[in-house]
Protein backbone atom coordinates (compact mmCIF):
# COMPACT_ATOMS: atom_id res chain seq x y z
CA MET A 1 0.10 -0.23 0.09
CA ALA A 2 1.51 3.29 -1.29
CA THR A 3 1.85 6.45 0.96
CA THR A 4 2.62 10.02 0.12
CA ILE A 5 4.80 12.07 2.76
CA ALA A 6 5.51 15.81 2.13
CA LEU A 7 8.67 16.90 1.34
CA SER A 8 10.92 20.21 0.44
CA ALA A 9 11.52 20.56 -3.07
CA LYS A 10 15.03 20.58 -2.10
CA SER A 11 14.78 17.37 0.07
CA HIS A 12 12.94 15.62 -3.03
CA LYS A 13 15.78 16.97 -5.59
CA GLU A 14 18.12 15.45 -3.32
CA LEU A 15 16.48 11.99 -2.60
CA ILE A 16 15.96 12.20 -6.54
CA LEU A 17 19.53 12.40 -7.39
CA LEU A 18 20.63 9.86 -4.17
CA LYS A 19 18.33 7.26 -6.04
CA VAL A 20 19.75 7.82 -9.41
CA GLU A 21 23.12 7.83 -8.17
CA GLU A 22 22.71 4.55 -5.72
CA GLY A 23 21.36 2.82 -8.37
CA PHE A 24 18.06 2.20 -6.62
CA LYS A 25 14.87 0.98 -8.55
CA ASN A 26 12.57 2.99 -6.74
CA MET A 27 11.94 5.56 -4.05
CA ASP A 28 10.98 2.56 -1.42
CA GLU A 29 14.08 1.00 -2.20
CA LEU A 30 16.23 3.81 -1.18
CA VAL A 31 14.58 4.77 1.77
CA ARG A 32 14.45 1.38 3.18
CA LYS A 33 17.97 1.27 2.62
CA LEU A 34 18.42 4.70 4.29
CA ILE A 35 16.18 3.50 7.42
CA ILE A 36 18.88 0.27 7.55
CA GLU A 37 21.99 2.74 7.38
CA HIS A 38 20.45 4.99 10.20
CA LYS A 39 19.55 1.67 12.43
CA LYS A 40 23.30 0.65 12.06
CA ASN A 41 24.61 3.89 13.21
CA LYS A 42 22.95 3.81 16.16
CA LEU A 43 23.92 0.49 16.77
CA ILE A 44 27.37 1.31 16.14
CA LYS A 45 27.55 3.86 18.27
CA SER A 46 25.52 2.20 21.09
CA SER A 47 28.08 -0.31 20.94
CA GLU A 48 30.92 2.32 21.27
CA LYS A 49 29.23 3.74 24.22
CA ILE A 50 29.08 0.62 25.68
CA ARG A 51 32.76 -0.47 25.11
CA LYS A 52 34.05 2.89 26.86
CA ARG A 53 32.08 2.65 29.53
CA MET A 54 33.07 -0.85 30.44
CA LYS A 55 36.66 0.06 30.08
CA GLU A 56 36.46 3.10 32.37
CA LEU A 57 34.74 -0.05 34.50
CA ASN A 58 37.45 -2.40 33.89
CA LEU A 59 35.13 -5.08 32.78
CA SER A 60 35.62 -7.66 29.57
CA LEU A 61 32.87 -8.80 27.81
CA SER A 62 33.23 -12.68 29.73
CA ASP A 63 32.54 -10.37 32.59
CA LEU A 64 29.34 -9.74 31.65
CA ILE A 65 28.11 -12.98 31.07
CA GLU A 66 29.20 -14.73 34.21
């Protein structure tokens, strides 16, 4: 089921250019890829925070598992 979203003309143009440059068949593929990349970035940042905090507390992964 298709849905319409409101975008500024500038954002629409940038999405169209990105779609063409990256070779996506349609806008849905592009948006799904952007969502996945965003989620990956959030996971990476969270992982970095956890690793930093573990280091501060002198903990290893095995300490957390036990």
